[in-house]
Protein backbone atom coordinates (compact mmCIF):
# COMPACT_ATOMS: atom_id res chain seq x y z
CA MET A 1 0.00 0.00 0.00
CA GLN A 2 1.40 3.39 -1.03
CA ASP A 3 1.06 6.50 1.14
CA ALA A 4 -0.95 9.29 -0.47
CA LEU A 5 1.12 12.27 -1.53
CA PRO A 6 0.06 15.65 -0.15
CA ASP A 7 -1.92 17.92 -2.43
CA PRO A 8 0.52 20.55 -3.78
CA ASN A 9 -2.19 23.22 -3.54
CA GLN A 10 -2.59 22.51 0.18
CA LEU A 11 1.15 22.86 0.69
CA ILE A 12 1.15 26.15 -1.22
CA ALA A 13 -1.69 27.38 1.00
CA LEU A 14 0.45 26.72 4.08
CA THR A 15 3.02 29.17 2.70
CA THR A 16 0.52 31.93 1.86
CA THR A 17 -2.31 31.72 4.42
CA LEU A 18 -2.11 34.26 7.23
CA MET A 19 -2.93 33.50 10.85
CA PRO A 20 -6.27 35.28 11.39
CA PHE A 21 -6.13 35.78 15.18
CA GLY A 22 -4.03 35.76 18.32
CA LYS A 23 -0.48 36.75 19.15
CA TYR A 24 0.74 35.86 15.65
CA ARG A 25 -2.12 37.44 13.68
CA GLY A 26 -0.92 38.29 10.19
CA TRP A 27 1.96 35.77 10.20
CA LYS A 28 2.13 33.19 7.44
CA LEU A 29 1.25 29.77 8.84
CA LYS A 30 4.63 28.40 7.75
CA ASP A 31 6.36 31.05 9.87
CA LEU A 32 4.54 30.34 13.13
CA PRO A 33 6.95 29.38 15.92
CA GLU A 34 7.02 25.71 16.80
CA PRO A 35 6.19 26.31 20.50
CA TYR A 36 2.95 28.03 19.41
CA LEU A 37 2.03 25.00 17.30
CA VAL A 38 2.94 22.66 20.17
CA TRP A 39 0.58 24.65 22.39
CA PHE A 40 -2.22 24.15 19.87
CA SER A 41 -1.46 20.42 19.71
CA GLN A 42 -1.85 20.22 23.49
CA GLN A 43 -4.92 22.46 23.74
CA GLY A 44 -6.61 21.34 20.54
CA PHE A 45 -6.45 22.78 17.06
CA PRO A 46 -9.35 24.96 15.90
CA SER A 47 -12.01 23.18 13.91
CA GLY A 48 -12.25 23.44 10.16
CA LYS A 49 -9.73 24.26 7.48
CA LEU A 50 -7.52 26.48 9.67
CA GLY A 51 -7.18 23.73 12.26
CA GLU A 52 -6.20 21.24 9.57
CA GLN A 53 -3.64 23.67 8.20
CA LEU A 54 -2.16 24.37 11.64
CA GLN A 55 -1.94 20.67 12.33
CA SER A 56 -0.18 20.14 9.00
CA VAL A 57 2.38 22.86 9.75
CA TYR A 58 2.89 21.34 13.21
CA GLU A 59 3.55 17.88 11.72
CA ILE A 60 5.90 19.31 9.09
CA LYS A 61 7.93 21.23 11.68
CA LEU A 62 7.85 18.35 14.18
CA ASN A 63 9.43 16.09 11.56
CA GLY A 64 12.06 18.64 10.54
CA LEU A 65 10.64 19.21 7.07
CA ASP A 66 10.43 23.01 7.23
CA SER A 67 12.70 23.28 4.21
CA ILE A 68 9.91 21.88 2.03
CA LEU A 69 7.69 24.85 2.86
CA GLU A 70 10.56 27.27 2.31
CA LYS A 71 11.23 25.80 -1.15
CA ILE A 72 7.55 26.04 -2.04
CA ALA A 73 7.37 29.61 -0.76
CA THR A 74 10.28 30.72 -2.92
CA LYS A 75 8.70 29.17 -6.01
CA THR A 76 5.30 30.82 -5.44
CA VAL A 77 6.66 34.35 -5.04
């Protein structure tokens, strides 16, 4: 069984979507500090699309794959 590859459009959205509230309002999701994402993982991610995106960024950073988002961000500029 093969793992599903992530949707490229969803990855692009992680590099362009801005945090709509809180201490890091206006920051791109990819730029949120890891401790902030860890806090969300402990408290619970928001429901809906934003929560899914935050969880994705958390998993990417947790696994040391930040460079993927940086490469995507430079290609979408």
